[in-house]
Amino acid sequence: MSPGELCLERLGVDHDFSGFACGIDALDQWLRHHALAAQQMDSARTFVVVSDARVVGYVSLIMGSVQRPTLRHVWSAACRLTPSAWS
């Protein structure tokens, strides 16, 4: 890969995204704390955009979603950190 070239890769344990910030804290937290586990459970696939060995972006595909207004209050609170609960 040439310097500055972008490459899309499936998220793996070797990716260092400690310096990555997209500007939305909840999405950054999801990447750091949940993306790899969700991928290992086959409930999501996350792909990272890498440039010069640094993660500069990502996209996650999930197998389902829930509209927050349809949830009871208790479940809504439990789902507040997952991007799929946003609407």
PDB file of N, CA and C in Angstrom:
ATOM      1  N   MET A   1       0.844  -1.175   0.000  1.00  0.00           N
ATOM      2  CA  MET A   1       0.000   0.000   0.000  1.00  0.00           C
ATOM      3  C   MET A   1       0.893   1.244   0.000  1.00  0.00           C
ATOM      4  N   SER A   2       0.580   2.192  -0.858  1.00  0.00           N
ATOM      5  CA  SER A   2       1.340   3.432  -0.957  1.00  0.00           C
ATOM      6  C   SER A   2       1.003   4.363   0.200  1.00  0.00           C
ATOM      7  N   PRO A   3       1.937   5.212   0.621  1.00  0.00           N
ATOM      8  CA  PRO A   3       1.651   6.161   1.694  1.00  0.00           C
ATOM      9  C   PRO A   3       0.427   7.022   1.372  1.00  0.00           C
ATOM     10  N   GLY A   4      -0.473   7.156   2.334  1.00  0.00           N
ATOM     11  CA  GLY A   4      -1.677   7.956   2.138  1.00  0.00           C
ATOM     12  C   GLY A   4      -2.816   7.230   1.456  1.00  0.00           C
ATOM     13  N   GLU A   5      -2.563   6.035   0.944  1.00  0.00           N
ATOM     14  CA  GLU A   5      -3.600   5.252   0.275  1.00  0.00           C
ATOM     15  C   GLU A   5      -4.599   4.717   1.296  1.00  0.00           C
ATOM     16  N   LEU A   6      -5.874   4.720   0.931  1.00  0.00           N
ATOM     17  CA  LEU A   6      -6.927   4.198   1.798  1.00  0.00           C
ATOM     18  C   LEU A   6      -7.197   2.739   1.468  1.00  0.00           C
ATOM     19  N   CYS A   7      -7.421   1.955   2.512  1.00  0.00           N
ATOM     20  CA  CYS A   7      -7.702   0.543   2.339  1.00  0.00           C
ATOM     21  C   CYS A   7      -8.851   0.154   3.274  1.00  0.00           C
ATOM     22  N   LEU A   8      -9.834  -0.571   2.764  1.00  0.00           N
ATOM     23  CA  LEU A   8     -10.956  -1.051   3.561  1.00  0.00           C
ATOM     24  C   LEU A   8     -10.658  -2.471   4.007  1.00  0.00           C
ATOM     25  N   GLU A   9     -10.680  -2.700   5.336  1.00  0.00           N
ATOM     26  CA  GLU A   9     -10.353  -4.012   5.890  1.00  0.00           C
ATOM     27  C   GLU A   9     -11.400  -4.403   6.921  1.00  0.00           C
ATOM     28  N   ARG A  10     -11.653  -5.696   7.029  1.00  0.00           N
ATOM     29  CA  ARG A  10     -12.538  -6.182   8.083  1.00  0.00           C
ATOM     30  C   ARG A  10     -11.847  -5.977   9.430  1.00  0.00           C
ATOM     31  N   LEU A  11     -12.575  -5.463  10.409  1.00  0.00           N
ATOM     32  CA  LEU A  11     -12.027  -5.193  11.733  1.00  0.00           C
ATOM     33  C   LEU A  11     -11.410  -6.450  12.330  1.00  0.00           C
ATOM     34  N   GLY A  12     -10.225  -6.291  12.872  1.00  0.00           N
ATOM     35  CA  GLY A  12      -9.538  -7.398  13.527  1.00  0.00           C
ATOM     36  C   GLY A  12      -8.870  -6.919  14.804  1.00  0.00           C
ATOM     37  N   VAL A  13      -8.396  -7.858  15.592  1.00  0.00           N
ATOM     38  CA  VAL A  13      -7.780  -7.520  16.872  1.00  0.00           C
ATOM     39  C   VAL A  13      -6.497  -6.701  16.705  1.00  0.00           C
ATOM     40  N   ASP A  14      -5.882  -6.746  15.528  1.00  0.00           N
ATOM     41  CA  ASP A  14      -4.638  -6.040  15.291  1.00  0.00           C
ATOM     42  C   ASP A  14      -4.823  -4.572  14.923  1.00  0.00           C
ATOM     43  N   HIS A  15      -6.054  -4.130  14.671  1.00  0.00           N
ATOM     44  CA  HIS A  15      -6.284  -2.730  14.304  1.00  0.00           C
ATOM     45  C   HIS A  15      -6.183  -1.824  15.529  1.00  0.00           C
ATOM     46  N   ASP A  16      -5.459  -0.730  15.363  1.00  0.00           N
ATOM     47  CA  ASP A  16      -5.308   0.251  16.437  1.00  0.00           C
ATOM     48  C   ASP A  16      -6.168   1.469  16.098  1.00  0.00           C
ATOM     49  N   PHE A  17      -7.273   1.602  16.809  1.00  0.00           N
ATOM     50  CA  PHE A  17      -8.149   2.758  16.570  1.00  0.00           C
ATOM     51  C   PHE A  17      -8.175   3.678  17.786  1.00  0.00           C
ATOM     52  N   SER A  18      -7.131   3.582  18.620  1.00  0.00           N
ATOM     53  CA  SER A  18      -7.081   4.394  19.839  1.00  0.00           C
ATOM     54  C   SER A  18      -7.061   5.893  19.523  1.00  0.00           C
ATOM     55  N   GLY A  19      -6.494   6.295  18.411  1.00  0.00           N
ATOM     56  CA  GLY A  19      -6.452   7.703  18.048  1.00  0.00           C
ATOM     57  C   GLY A  19      -7.608   8.147  17.177  1.00  0.00           C
ATOM     58  N   PHE A  20      -8.524   7.234  16.867  1.00  0.00           N
ATOM     59  CA  PHE A  20      -9.642   7.550  15.982  1.00  0.00           C
ATOM     60  C   PHE A  20     -10.774   8.221  16.749  1.00  0.00           C
ATOM     61  N   ALA A  21     -11.342   9.266  16.156  1.00  0.00           N
ATOM     62  CA  ALA A  21     -12.535   9.920  16.704  1.00  0.00           C
ATOM     63  C   ALA A  21     -13.344  10.459  15.531  1.00  0.00           C
ATOM     64  N   CYS A  22     -14.593  10.014  15.418  1.00  0.00           N
ATOM     65  CA  CYS A  22     -15.444  10.466  14.314  1.00  0.00           C
ATOM     66  C   CYS A  22     -16.196  11.741  14.666  1.00  0.00           C
ATOM     67  N   GLY A  23     -16.181  12.129  15.946  1.00  0.00           N
ATOM     68  CA  GLY A  23     -16.888  13.334  16.365  1.00  0.00           C
ATOM     69  C   GLY A  23     -18.191  13.043  17.085  1.00  0.00           C
ATOM     70  N   ILE A  24     -18.620  11.790  17.080  1.00  0.00           N
ATOM     71  CA  ILE A  24     -19.830  11.385  17.811  1.00  0.00           C
ATOM     72  C   ILE A  24     -19.378  10.359  18.843  1.00  0.00           C
ATOM     73  N   ASP A  25     -19.349  10.779  20.105  1.00  0.00           N
ATOM     74  CA  ASP A  25     -18.784   9.954  21.165  1.00  0.00           C
ATOM     75  C   ASP A  25     -19.410   8.560  21.243  1.00  0.00           C
ATOM     76  N   ALA A  26     -20.717   8.457  21.109  1.00  0.00           N
ATOM     77  CA  ALA A  26     -21.376   7.154  21.216  1.00  0.00           C
ATOM     78  C   ALA A  26     -20.899   6.198  20.118  1.00  0.00           C
ATOM     79  N   LEU A  27     -20.651   6.706  18.918  1.00  0.00           N
ATOM     80  CA  LEU A  27     -20.148   5.852  17.833  1.00  0.00           C
ATOM     81  C   LEU A  27     -18.707   5.439  18.087  1.00  0.00           C
ATOM     82  N   ASP A  28     -17.901   6.368  18.605  1.00  0.00           N
ATOM     83  CA  ASP A  28     -16.524   6.023  18.953  1.00  0.00           C
ATOM     84  C   ASP A  28     -16.495   4.959  20.041  1.00  0.00           C
ATOM     85  N   GLN A  29     -17.341   5.105  21.051  1.00  0.00           N
ATOM     86  CA  GLN A  29     -17.405   4.135  22.138  1.00  0.00           C
ATOM     87  C   GLN A  29     -17.856   2.765  21.633  1.00  0.00           C
ATOM     88  N   TRP A  30     -18.816   2.761  20.711  1.00  0.00           N
ATOM     89  CA  TRP A  30     -19.290   1.482  20.152  1.00  0.00           C
ATOM     90  C   TRP A  30     -18.147   0.764  19.434  1.00  0.00           C
ATOM     91  N   LEU A  31     -17.389   1.519  18.654  1.00  0.00           N
ATOM     92  CA  LEU A  31     -16.253   0.910  17.950  1.00  0.00           C
ATOM     93  C   LEU A  31     -15.259   0.327  18.944  1.00  0.00           C
ATOM     94  N   ARG A  32     -14.923   1.080  19.963  1.00  0.00           N
ATOM     95  CA  ARG A  32     -13.908   0.640  20.927  1.00  0.00           C
ATOM     96  C   ARG A  32     -14.365  -0.515  21.812  1.00  0.00           C
ATOM     97  N   HIS A  33     -15.627  -0.513  22.212  1.00  0.00           N
ATOM     98  CA  HIS A  33     -16.070  -1.448  23.242  1.00  0.00           C
ATOM     99  C   HIS A  33     -17.000  -2.573  22.759  1.00  0.00           C
ATOM    100  N   HIS A  34     -17.604  -2.436  21.575  1.00  0.00           N
ATOM    101  CA  HIS A  34     -18.611  -3.411  21.174  1.00  0.00           C
ATOM    102  C   HIS A  34     -18.439  -4.002  19.780  1.00  0.00           C
ATOM    103  N   ALA A  35     -17.776  -3.294  18.888  1.00  0.00           N
ATOM    104  CA  ALA A  35     -17.725  -3.723  17.486  1.00  0.00           C
ATOM    105  C   ALA A  35     -17.098  -5.098  17.306  1.00  0.00           C
ATOM    106  N   LEU A  36     -15.969  -5.335  17.941  1.00  0.00           N
ATOM    107  CA  LEU A  36     -15.292  -6.616  17.761  1.00  0.00           C
ATOM    108  C   LEU A  36     -16.100  -7.761  18.375  1.00  0.00           C
ATOM    109  N   ALA A  37     -16.673  -7.531  19.552  1.00  0.00           N
ATOM    110  CA  ALA A  37     -17.492  -8.570  20.187  1.00  0.00           C
ATOM    111  C   ALA A  37     -18.724  -8.875  19.346  1.00  0.00           C
ATOM    112  N   ALA A  38     -19.368  -7.850  18.794  1.00  0.00           N
ATOM    113  CA  ALA A  38     -20.541  -8.063  17.951  1.00  0.00           C
ATOM    114  C   ALA A  38     -20.166  -8.852  16.698  1.00  0.00           C
ATOM    115  N   GLN A  39     -19.003  -8.573  16.167  1.00  0.00           N
ATOM    116  CA  GLN A  39     -18.537  -9.307  14.991  1.00  0.00           C
ATOM    117  C   GLN A  39     -18.257 -10.770  15.337  1.00  0.00           C
ATOM    118  N   GLN A  40     -17.659 -11.009  16.483  1.00  0.00           N
ATOM    119  CA  GLN A  40     -17.364 -12.380  16.901  1.00  0.00           C
ATOM    120  C   GLN A  40     -18.637 -13.179  17.166  1.00  0.00           C
ATOM    121  N   MET A  41     -19.736 -12.486  17.540  1.00  0.00           N
ATOM    122  CA  MET A  41     -21.025 -13.150  17.769  1.00  0.00           C
ATOM    123  C   MET A  41     -21.865 -13.230  16.495  1.00  0.00           C
ATOM    124  N   ASP A  42     -21.302 -12.769  15.374  1.00  0.00           N
ATOM    125  CA  ASP A  42     -21.993 -12.747  14.078  1.00  0.00           C
ATOM    126  C   ASP A  42     -23.263 -11.905  14.083  1.00  0.00           C
ATOM    127  N   SER A  43     -23.311 -10.870  14.914  1.00  0.00           N
ATOM    128  CA  SER A  43     -24.459  -9.967  14.895  1.00  0.00           C
ATOM    129  C   SER A  43     -24.132  -8.673  14.156  1.00  0.00           C
ATOM    130  N   ALA A  44     -22.867  -8.488  13.777  1.00  0.00           N
ATOM    131  CA  ALA A  44     -22.454  -7.299  13.035  1.00  0.00           C
ATOM    132  C   ALA A  44     -21.171  -7.609  12.275  1.00  0.00           C
ATOM    133  N   ARG A  45     -20.923  -6.819  11.259  1.00  0.00           N
ATOM    134  CA  ARG A  45     -19.648  -6.834  10.554  1.00  0.00           C
ATOM    135  C   ARG A  45     -19.160  -5.399  10.536  1.00  0.00           C
ATOM    136  N   THR A  46     -17.929  -5.206  10.946  1.00  0.00           N
ATOM    137  CA  THR A  46     -17.350  -3.869  10.951  1.00  0.00           C
ATOM    138  C   THR A  46     -16.139  -3.862  10.040  1.00  0.00           C
ATOM    139  N   PHE A  47     -16.083  -2.847   9.200  1.00  0.00           N
ATOM    140  CA  PHE A  47     -14.971  -2.641   8.284  1.00  0.00           C
ATOM    141  C   PHE A  47     -14.337  -1.303   8.621  1.00  0.00           C
ATOM    142  N   VAL A  48     -13.014  -1.278   8.676  1.00  0.00           N
ATOM    143  CA  VAL A  48     -12.294  -0.050   8.981  1.00  0.00           C
ATOM    144  C   VAL A  48     -11.580   0.451   7.741  1.00  0.00           C
ATOM    145  N   VAL A  49     -11.481   1.757   7.645  1.00  0.00           N
ATOM    146  CA  VAL A  49     -10.706   2.396   6.585  1.00  0.00           C
ATOM    147  C   VAL A  49      -9.356   2.731   7.199  1.00  0.00           C
ATOM    148  N   VAL A  50      -8.294   2.219   6.584  1.00  0.00           N
ATOM    149  CA  VAL A  50      -6.949   2.368   7.123  1.00  0.00           C
ATOM    150  C   VAL A  50      -6.099   3.194   6.163  1.00  0.00           C
ATOM    151  N   SER A  51      -5.339   4.114   6.725  1.00  0.00           N
ATOM    152  CA  SER A  51      -4.384   4.903   5.960  1.00  0.00           C
ATOM    153  C   SER A  51      -3.106   5.001   6.786  1.00  0.00           C
ATOM    154  N   ASP A  52      -1.997   4.605   6.202  1.00  0.00           N
ATOM    155  CA  ASP A  52      -0.707   4.635   6.904  1.00  0.00           C
ATOM    156  C   ASP A  52      -0.790   3.928   8.254  1.00  0.00           C
ATOM    157  N   ALA A  53      -1.395   2.746   8.294  1.00  0.00           N
ATOM    158  CA  ALA A  53      -1.537   1.894   9.487  1.00  0.00           C
ATOM    159  C   ALA A  53      -2.403   2.520  10.573  1.00  0.00           C
ATOM    160  N   ARG A  54      -3.166   3.556  10.250  1.00  0.00           N
ATOM    161  CA  ARG A  54      -4.075   4.189  11.214  1.00  0.00           C
ATOM    162  C   ARG A  54      -5.499   4.034  10.734  1.00  0.00           C
ATOM    163  N   VAL A  55      -6.415   3.763  11.653  1.00  0.00           N
ATOM    164  CA  VAL A  55      -7.834   3.721  11.323  1.00  0.00           C
ATOM    165  C   VAL A  55      -8.322   5.161  11.188  1.00  0.00           C
ATOM    166  N   VAL A  56      -8.900   5.471  10.018  1.00  0.00           N
ATOM    167  CA  VAL A  56      -9.393   6.826   9.758  1.00  0.00           C
ATOM    168  C   VAL A  56     -10.905   6.860   9.539  1.00  0.00           C
ATOM    169  N   GLY A  57     -11.540   5.688   9.571  1.00  0.00           N
ATOM    170  CA  GLY A  57     -12.989   5.617   9.413  1.00  0.00           C
ATOM    171  C   GLY A  57     -13.462   4.191   9.597  1.00  0.00           C
ATOM    172  N   TYR A  58     -14.779   4.043   9.730  1.00  0.00           N
ATOM    173  CA  TYR A  58     -15.342   2.692   9.830  1.00  0.00           C
ATOM    174  C   TYR A  58     -16.808   2.694   9.446  1.00  0.00           C
ATOM    175  N   VAL A  59     -17.292   1.496   9.139  1.00  0.00           N
ATOM    176  CA  VAL A  59     -18.704   1.270   8.881  1.00  0.00           C
ATOM    177  C   VAL A  59     -19.053  -0.078   9.497  1.00  0.00           C
ATOM    178  N   SER A  60     -20.205  -0.134  10.152  1.00  0.00           N
ATOM    179  CA  SER A  60     -20.676  -1.392  10.732  1.00  0.00           C
ATOM    180  C   SER A  60     -22.023  -1.736  10.127  1.00  0.00           C
ATOM    181  N   LEU A  61     -22.172  -2.978   9.768  1.00  0.00           N
ATOM    182  CA  LEU A  61     -23.433  -3.495   9.249  1.00  0.00           C
ATOM    183  C   LEU A  61     -24.006  -4.424  10.305  1.00  0.00           C
ATOM    184  N   ILE A  62     -25.235  -4.162  10.720  1.00  0.00           N
ATOM    185  CA  ILE A  62     -25.853  -4.999  11.738  1.00  0.00           C
ATOM    186  C   ILE A  62     -26.997  -5.769  11.125  1.00  0.00           C
ATOM    187  N   MET A  63     -27.379  -6.855  11.773  1.00  0.00           N
ATOM    188  CA  MET A  63     -28.408  -7.712  11.193  1.00  0.00           C
ATOM    189  C   MET A  63     -29.824  -7.296  11.562  1.00  0.00           C
ATOM    190  N   GLY A  64     -30.002  -6.270  12.352  1.00  0.00           N
ATOM    191  CA  GLY A  64     -31.336  -5.825  12.715  1.00  0.00           C
ATOM    192  C   GLY A  64     -31.283  -4.500  13.428  1.00  0.00           C
ATOM    193  N   SER A  65     -32.439  -3.951  13.673  1.00  0.00           N
ATOM    194  CA  SER A  65     -32.515  -2.697  14.409  1.00  0.00           C
ATOM    195  C   SER A  65     -33.848  -2.623  15.132  1.00  0.00           C
ATOM    196  N   VAL A  66     -33.910  -1.717  16.077  1.00  0.00           N
ATOM    197  CA  VAL A  66     -35.121  -1.503  16.858  1.00  0.00           C
ATOM    198  C   VAL A  66     -35.391  -0.010  16.882  1.00  0.00           C
ATOM    199  N   GLN A  67     -36.606   0.369  16.597  1.00  0.00           N
ATOM    200  CA  GLN A  67     -36.978   1.770  16.683  1.00  0.00           C
ATOM    201  C   GLN A  67     -37.178   2.143  18.144  1.00  0.00           C
ATOM    202  N   ARG A  68     -36.444   3.094  18.626  1.00  0.00           N
ATOM    203  CA  ARG A  68     -36.482   3.461  20.036  1.00  0.00           C
ATOM    204  C   ARG A  68     -37.884   3.779  20.562  1.00  0.00           C
ATOM    205  N   PRO A  69     -38.743   4.514  19.840  1.00  0.00           N
ATOM    206  CA  PRO A  69     -40.073   4.835  20.390  1.00  0.00           C
ATOM    207  C   PRO A  69     -40.948   3.607  20.652  1.00  0.00           C
ATOM    208  N   THR A  70     -40.620   2.475  20.030  1.00  0.00           N
ATOM    209  CA  THR A  70     -41.450   1.286  20.229  1.00  0.00           C
ATOM    210  C   THR A  70     -41.044   0.475  21.459  1.00  0.00           C
ATOM    211  N   LEU A  71     -39.957   0.864  22.094  1.00  0.00           N
ATOM    212  CA  LEU A  71     -39.463   0.126  23.252  1.00  0.00           C
ATOM    213  C   LEU A  71     -40.080   0.631  24.549  1.00  0.00           C
ATOM    214  N   ARG A  72     -40.193  -0.239  25.495  1.00  0.00           N
ATOM    215  CA  ARG A  72     -40.567   0.184  26.837  1.00  0.00           C
ATOM    216  C   ARG A  72     -39.417   0.976  27.435  1.00  0.00           C
ATOM    217  N   HIS A  73     -39.705   1.746  28.452  1.00  0.00           N
ATOM    218  CA  HIS A  73     -38.689   2.588  29.083  1.00  0.00           C
ATOM    219  C   HIS A  73     -37.469   1.771  29.549  1.00  0.00           C
ATOM    220  N   VAL A  74     -37.683   0.628  30.153  1.00  0.00           N
ATOM    221  CA  VAL A  74     -36.576  -0.180  30.676  1.00  0.00           C
ATOM    222  C   VAL A  74     -35.648  -0.628  29.551  1.00  0.00           C
ATOM    223  N   TRP A  75     -36.213  -1.130  28.474  1.00  0.00           N
ATOM    224  CA  TRP A  75     -35.388  -1.587  27.356  1.00  0.00           C
ATOM    225  C   TRP A  75     -34.728  -0.419  26.660  1.00  0.00           C
ATOM    226  N   SER A  76     -35.405   0.698  26.604  1.00  0.00           N
ATOM    227  CA  SER A  76     -34.844   1.880  25.976  1.00  0.00           C
ATOM    228  C   SER A  76     -33.568   2.317  26.689  1.00  0.00           C
ATOM    229  N   ALA A  77     -33.592   2.303  28.013  1.00  0.00           N
ATOM    230  CA  ALA A  77     -32.401   2.676  28.787  1.00  0.00           C
ATOM    231  C   ALA A  77     -31.271   1.682  28.551  1.00  0.00           C
ATOM    232  N   ALA A  78     -31.579   0.414  28.446  1.00  0.00           N
ATOM    233  CA  ALA A  78     -30.557  -0.612  28.232  1.00  0.00           C
ATOM    234  C   ALA A  78     -29.913  -0.484  26.868  1.00  0.00           C
ATOM    235  N   CYS A  79     -30.620   0.050  25.909  1.00  0.00           N
ATOM    236  CA  CYS A  79     -30.117   0.139  24.538  1.00  0.00           C
ATOM    237  C   CYS A  79     -29.522   1.504  24.208  1.00  0.00           C
ATOM    238  N   ARG A  80     -29.408   2.372  25.161  1.00  0.00           N
ATOM    239  CA  ARG A  80     -29.038   3.752  24.838  1.00  0.00           C
ATOM    240  C   ARG A  80     -27.663   3.891  24.206  1.00  0.00           C
ATOM    241  N   LEU A  81     -26.761   2.956  24.406  1.00  0.00           N
ATOM    242  CA  LEU A  81     -25.427   3.076  23.834  1.00  0.00           C
ATOM    243  C   LEU A  81     -25.256   2.391  22.488  1.00  0.00           C
ATOM    244  N   THR A  82     -26.271   1.690  22.019  1.00  0.00           N
ATOM    245  CA  THR A  82     -26.107   0.996  20.742  1.00  0.00           C
ATOM    246  C   THR A  82     -26.656   1.843  19.618  1.00  0.00           C
ATOM    247  N   PRO A  83     -25.844   2.092  18.588  1.00  0.00           N
ATOM    248  CA  PRO A  83     -26.294   2.917  17.470  1.00  0.00           C
ATOM    249  C   PRO A  83     -27.574   2.409  16.806  1.00  0.00           C
ATOM    250  N   SER A  84     -27.838   1.103  16.864  1.00  0.00           N
ATOM    251  CA  SER A  84     -29.035   0.581  16.209  1.00  0.00           C
ATOM    252  C   SER A  84     -30.309   1.044  16.901  1.00  0.00           C
ATOM    253  N   ALA A  85     -30.212   1.569  18.112  1.00  0.00           N
ATOM    254  CA  ALA A  85     -31.408   2.020  18.834  1.00  0.00           C
ATOM    255  C   ALA A  85     -31.757   3.456  18.496  1.00  0.00           C
ATOM    256  N   TRP A  86     -30.898   4.128  17.753  1.00  0.00           N
ATOM    257  CA  TRP A  86     -31.156   5.538  17.443  1.00  0.00           C
ATOM    258  C   TRP A  86     -32.156   5.642  16.316  1.00  0.00           C
ATOM    259  N   SER A  87     -32.979   6.674  16.390  1.00  0.00           N
ATOM    260  CA  SER A  87     -33.876   6.969  15.272  1.00  0.00           C
ATOM    261  C   SER A  87     -34.165   8.441  15.223  1.00  0.00           C
TER     262      SER A  87
END
